[in-house]
């Protein structure tokens, strides 16, 4: 099942307090970037983020889910209503995320 454009727009609105949030559509899903780094994505209308240490520490009871068959597990953000928490989460995660790979 592909994610809806409406859910993407809702998540982008929830993240609108942060600068430089972008996304890329990919096979019916959406990859979410924060200041050029991949933080996670929207898969089957679920907001999932990479399981870096800071994210796990901030959400120790969150469930881990597969974004798609064959992928690594990611953390499900089940409380997408809390804009302040989402901003804090992405800020905390940023330093731990890998820098984008340079294209040849």
N, C-alpha and C. Protein backbone atom coordinates (compact mmCIF):
# COMPACT_ATOMS: atom_id res chain seq x y z
N UNK A 1 0.84 -1.18 0.00
CA UNK A 1 0.00 0.00 0.00
C UNK A 1 0.89 1.25 0.00
N UNK A 2 0.62 2.16 -0.88
CA UNK A 2 1.40 3.40 -0.94
C UNK A 2 0.87 4.40 0.08
N UNK A 3 1.73 5.33 0.44
CA UNK A 3 1.34 6.38 1.38
C UNK A 3 0.59 7.49 0.64
N UNK A 4 -0.31 8.14 1.34
CA UNK A 4 -1.10 9.20 0.72
C UNK A 4 -0.36 10.54 0.78
N UNK A 5 -0.61 11.35 -0.21
CA UNK A 5 -0.05 12.70 -0.26
C UNK A 5 -0.58 13.52 0.93
N UNK A 6 -1.82 13.24 1.35
CA UNK A 6 -2.41 13.95 2.48
C UNK A 6 -1.65 13.67 3.78
N UNK A 7 -1.24 12.41 3.99
CA UNK A 7 -0.49 12.08 5.20
C UNK A 7 0.89 12.74 5.15
N UNK A 8 1.53 12.73 3.99
CA UNK A 8 2.81 13.43 3.83
C UNK A 8 2.66 14.90 4.19
N UNK A 9 1.64 15.56 3.66
CA UNK A 9 1.43 16.98 3.94
C UNK A 9 1.18 17.22 5.42
N UNK A 10 0.46 16.31 6.08
CA UNK A 10 0.21 16.43 7.51
C UNK A 10 1.53 16.35 8.29
N UNK A 11 2.37 15.38 7.97
CA UNK A 11 3.65 15.23 8.67
C UNK A 11 4.54 16.45 8.40
N UNK A 12 4.57 16.92 7.17
CA UNK A 12 5.38 18.11 6.86
C UNK A 12 4.88 19.31 7.66
N UNK A 13 3.59 19.43 7.84
CA UNK A 13 3.03 20.52 8.66
C UNK A 13 3.47 20.36 10.11
N UNK A 14 3.46 19.13 10.62
CA UNK A 14 3.88 18.88 12.01
C UNK A 14 5.36 19.21 12.20
N UNK A 15 6.15 19.12 11.15
CA UNK A 15 7.59 19.39 11.21
C UNK A 15 7.93 20.82 10.77
N UNK A 16 6.92 21.65 10.53
CA UNK A 16 7.15 22.97 9.94
C UNK A 16 7.88 23.95 10.85
N UNK A 17 8.04 23.62 12.14
CA UNK A 17 8.83 24.48 13.03
C UNK A 17 10.33 24.37 12.74
N UNK A 18 10.72 23.33 12.04
CA UNK A 18 12.13 23.10 11.70
C UNK A 18 12.43 23.67 10.32
N UNK A 19 13.65 24.17 10.16
CA UNK A 19 14.09 24.65 8.86
C UNK A 19 14.64 23.48 8.04
N UNK A 20 14.50 23.58 6.74
CA UNK A 20 15.13 22.64 5.81
C UNK A 20 14.63 21.20 5.93
N UNK A 21 13.33 21.02 6.02
CA UNK A 21 12.72 19.70 5.90
C UNK A 21 12.35 19.51 4.44
N UNK A 22 12.84 18.45 3.83
CA UNK A 22 12.50 18.15 2.45
C UNK A 22 12.10 16.68 2.34
N UNK A 23 11.61 16.30 1.19
CA UNK A 23 11.23 14.91 0.98
C UNK A 23 11.45 14.53 -0.46
N UNK A 24 11.49 13.23 -0.68
CA UNK A 24 11.60 12.69 -2.03
C UNK A 24 10.64 11.52 -2.14
N UNK A 25 9.82 11.53 -3.17
CA UNK A 25 8.92 10.41 -3.42
C UNK A 25 9.73 9.25 -3.97
N UNK A 26 9.45 8.05 -3.45
CA UNK A 26 10.17 6.87 -3.91
C UNK A 26 9.26 5.65 -3.85
N UNK A 27 8.86 5.16 -4.99
CA UNK A 27 8.04 3.95 -5.11
C UNK A 27 6.78 4.01 -4.25
N UNK A 28 6.08 5.12 -4.29
CA UNK A 28 4.82 5.26 -3.56
C UNK A 28 4.98 5.63 -2.10
N UNK A 29 6.21 5.80 -1.65
CA UNK A 29 6.49 6.19 -0.27
C UNK A 29 7.28 7.50 -0.32
N UNK A 30 7.64 8.02 0.86
CA UNK A 30 8.35 9.31 0.91
C UNK A 30 9.53 9.23 1.88
N UNK A 31 10.71 9.60 1.40
CA UNK A 31 11.90 9.70 2.23
C UNK A 31 11.92 11.13 2.78
N UNK A 32 12.13 11.27 4.10
CA UNK A 32 12.13 12.59 4.74
C UNK A 32 13.57 12.97 5.09
N UNK A 33 13.95 14.19 4.73
CA UNK A 33 15.30 14.71 4.98
C UNK A 33 15.22 15.89 5.94
N UNK A 34 16.21 15.96 6.81
CA UNK A 34 16.36 17.13 7.68
C UNK A 34 17.76 17.68 7.46
N UNK A 35 17.83 18.90 6.98
CA UNK A 35 19.10 19.57 6.65
C UNK A 35 20.00 18.65 5.82
N UNK A 36 19.39 18.00 4.84
CA UNK A 36 20.14 17.19 3.88
C UNK A 36 20.39 15.75 4.29
N UNK A 37 20.07 15.39 5.52
CA UNK A 37 20.30 14.02 5.98
C UNK A 37 18.97 13.26 6.07
N UNK A 38 19.00 11.99 5.70
CA UNK A 38 17.79 11.17 5.78
C UNK A 38 17.50 10.86 7.25
N UNK A 39 16.32 11.24 7.72
CA UNK A 39 15.94 10.94 9.10
C UNK A 39 14.97 9.77 9.16
N UNK A 40 14.31 9.48 8.07
CA UNK A 40 13.34 8.39 8.03
C UNK A 40 12.43 8.57 6.84
N UNK A 41 11.17 8.20 7.03
CA UNK A 41 10.26 8.33 5.92
C UNK A 41 8.84 7.99 6.30
N UNK A 42 7.99 8.08 5.30
CA UNK A 42 6.58 7.73 5.46
C UNK A 42 6.36 6.49 4.61
N UNK A 43 5.95 5.43 5.29
CA UNK A 43 5.74 4.13 4.66
C UNK A 43 4.36 3.63 5.07
N UNK A 44 3.50 3.36 4.10
CA UNK A 44 2.14 2.90 4.39
C UNK A 44 1.45 3.81 5.40
N UNK A 45 1.59 5.10 5.20
CA UNK A 45 1.01 6.12 6.10
C UNK A 45 1.45 5.95 7.55
N UNK A 46 2.71 5.57 7.73
CA UNK A 46 3.34 5.51 9.06
C UNK A 46 4.60 6.35 8.99
N UNK A 47 4.86 7.16 10.02
CA UNK A 47 6.08 7.96 10.09
C UNK A 47 7.11 7.15 10.87
N UNK A 48 8.17 6.73 10.17
CA UNK A 48 9.24 5.93 10.76
C UNK A 48 10.55 6.70 10.70
N UNK A 49 11.36 6.59 11.76
CA UNK A 49 12.67 7.24 11.78
C UNK A 49 13.76 6.20 12.03
N UNK A 50 14.99 6.58 11.66
CA UNK A 50 16.13 5.69 11.86
C UNK A 50 16.36 5.46 13.36
N UNK A 51 16.76 4.25 13.73
CA UNK A 51 16.95 3.94 15.15
C UNK A 51 18.33 4.33 15.68
N UNK A 52 18.67 5.61 15.60
CA UNK A 52 19.94 6.07 16.17
C UNK A 52 19.79 6.16 17.69
N UNK A 53 20.91 6.21 18.40
CA UNK A 53 20.88 6.16 19.87
C UNK A 53 19.97 7.20 20.50
N UNK A 54 20.03 8.42 20.03
CA UNK A 54 19.21 9.48 20.63
C UNK A 54 17.72 9.21 20.45
N UNK A 55 17.33 8.69 19.30
CA UNK A 55 15.92 8.39 19.06
C UNK A 55 15.45 7.25 19.96
N UNK A 56 16.27 6.23 20.11
CA UNK A 56 15.93 5.11 20.99
C UNK A 56 15.83 5.60 22.44
N UNK A 57 16.74 6.47 22.84
CA UNK A 57 16.73 7.00 24.22
C UNK A 57 15.48 7.84 24.47
N UNK A 58 15.04 8.60 23.48
CA UNK A 58 13.87 9.45 23.65
C UNK A 58 12.56 8.69 23.57
N UNK A 59 12.59 7.51 22.95
CA UNK A 59 11.38 6.70 22.79
C UNK A 59 11.68 5.23 23.11
N UNK A 60 12.03 4.94 24.38
CA UNK A 60 12.45 3.58 24.72
C UNK A 60 11.36 2.52 24.53
N UNK A 61 10.11 2.91 24.55
CA UNK A 61 9.02 1.94 24.43
C UNK A 61 8.40 1.91 23.04
N UNK A 62 8.97 2.64 22.11
CA UNK A 62 8.40 2.69 20.76
C UNK A 62 8.60 1.35 20.06
N UNK A 63 7.66 1.03 19.18
CA UNK A 63 7.79 -0.23 18.45
C UNK A 63 8.68 -0.06 17.23
N UNK A 64 9.37 -1.14 16.92
CA UNK A 64 10.23 -1.18 15.74
C UNK A 64 9.43 -1.87 14.63
N UNK A 65 9.43 -1.26 13.44
CA UNK A 65 8.66 -1.82 12.34
C UNK A 65 9.48 -1.78 11.06
N UNK A 66 9.14 -2.69 10.17
CA UNK A 66 9.78 -2.71 8.85
C UNK A 66 9.08 -1.73 7.93
N UNK A 67 9.82 -0.83 7.30
CA UNK A 67 9.18 0.09 6.36
C UNK A 67 8.66 -0.66 5.13
N UNK A 68 9.40 -1.70 4.71
CA UNK A 68 9.02 -2.52 3.57
C UNK A 68 9.80 -3.83 3.67
N UNK A 69 9.37 -4.81 2.94
CA UNK A 69 9.99 -6.13 2.97
C UNK A 69 11.48 -6.05 2.63
N UNK A 70 12.31 -6.63 3.48
CA UNK A 70 13.75 -6.67 3.24
C UNK A 70 14.52 -5.49 3.80
N UNK A 71 13.85 -4.52 4.40
CA UNK A 71 14.51 -3.33 4.94
C UNK A 71 14.88 -3.56 6.41
N UNK A 72 15.72 -2.68 6.94
CA UNK A 72 16.04 -2.70 8.36
C UNK A 72 14.89 -2.07 9.14
N UNK A 73 14.71 -2.53 10.37
CA UNK A 73 13.65 -1.99 11.20
C UNK A 73 13.91 -0.52 11.52
N UNK A 74 12.81 0.21 11.66
CA UNK A 74 12.87 1.62 12.01
C UNK A 74 11.90 1.85 13.17
N UNK A 75 12.02 3.01 13.82
CA UNK A 75 11.17 3.34 14.96
C UNK A 75 9.88 3.99 14.46
N UNK A 76 8.76 3.45 14.93
CA UNK A 76 7.45 4.03 14.59
C UNK A 76 7.17 5.22 15.51
N UNK A 77 6.89 6.36 14.91
CA UNK A 77 6.47 7.53 15.68
C UNK A 77 4.95 7.46 15.76
N UNK A 78 4.45 7.06 16.92
CA UNK A 78 3.00 6.91 17.02
C UNK A 78 2.32 8.18 17.50
N UNK A 79 3.07 9.11 18.11
CA UNK A 79 2.48 10.37 18.55
C UNK A 79 2.95 11.50 17.64
N UNK A 80 2.37 11.56 16.45
CA UNK A 80 2.76 12.59 15.50
C UNK A 80 2.07 13.92 15.79
N UNK A 81 1.22 13.96 16.83
CA UNK A 81 0.50 15.18 17.20
C UNK A 81 1.40 16.17 17.94
N UNK A 82 2.44 15.68 18.62
CA UNK A 82 3.29 16.50 19.49
C UNK A 82 4.41 17.16 18.68
N UNK A 83 4.13 18.33 18.17
CA UNK A 83 5.09 19.05 17.32
C UNK A 83 6.40 19.36 18.04
N UNK A 84 6.31 19.76 19.32
CA UNK A 84 7.52 20.08 20.08
C UNK A 84 8.41 18.86 20.21
N UNK A 85 7.80 17.71 20.51
CA UNK A 85 8.58 16.48 20.63
C UNK A 85 9.24 16.12 19.29
N UNK A 86 8.50 16.25 18.20
CA UNK A 86 9.06 15.93 16.89
C UNK A 86 10.26 16.81 16.57
N UNK A 87 10.17 18.09 16.89
CA UNK A 87 11.29 19.00 16.67
C UNK A 87 12.50 18.60 17.51
N UNK A 88 12.26 18.32 18.80
CA UNK A 88 13.35 17.90 19.68
C UNK A 88 13.98 16.60 19.19
N UNK A 89 13.16 15.67 18.75
CA UNK A 89 13.65 14.39 18.26
C UNK A 89 14.58 14.57 17.06
N UNK A 90 14.14 15.32 16.07
CA UNK A 90 14.96 15.50 14.87
C UNK A 90 16.24 16.26 15.18
N UNK A 91 16.16 17.26 16.04
CA UNK A 91 17.37 17.99 16.45
C UNK A 91 18.36 17.04 17.13
N UNK A 92 17.86 16.18 18.03
CA UNK A 92 18.72 15.25 18.74
C UNK A 92 19.34 14.22 17.79
N UNK A 93 18.58 13.79 16.81
CA UNK A 93 19.05 12.77 15.88
C UNK A 93 20.08 13.29 14.88
N UNK A 94 20.03 14.56 14.56
CA UNK A 94 20.78 15.11 13.43
C UNK A 94 22.27 14.76 13.46
N UNK A 95 22.94 14.98 14.58
CA UNK A 95 24.39 14.74 14.65
C UNK A 95 24.76 13.28 14.45
N UNK A 96 23.86 12.37 14.82
CA UNK A 96 24.15 10.94 14.69
C UNK A 96 23.91 10.39 13.28
N UNK A 97 23.19 11.12 12.48
CA UNK A 97 22.86 10.64 11.14
C UNK A 97 24.04 10.80 10.20
N UNK A 98 24.23 9.83 9.30
CA UNK A 98 25.34 9.95 8.36
C UNK A 98 25.11 11.07 7.36
N UNK A 99 26.21 11.68 6.94
CA UNK A 99 26.11 12.71 5.91
C UNK A 99 25.75 12.05 4.58
N UNK A 100 25.10 12.80 3.71
CA UNK A 100 24.75 12.21 2.41
C UNK A 100 26.00 11.82 1.62
N UNK A 101 25.88 10.75 0.88
CA UNK A 101 27.00 10.28 0.05
C UNK A 101 27.13 11.19 -1.16
N UNK A 102 28.35 11.46 -1.55
CA UNK A 102 28.60 12.28 -2.72
C UNK A 102 28.33 11.46 -3.97
N UNK A 103 27.62 12.05 -4.92
CA UNK A 103 27.36 11.36 -6.20
C UNK A 103 28.58 11.49 -7.08
N UNK A 104 28.84 10.44 -7.82
CA UNK A 104 30.00 10.45 -8.74
C UNK A 104 29.64 11.06 -10.06
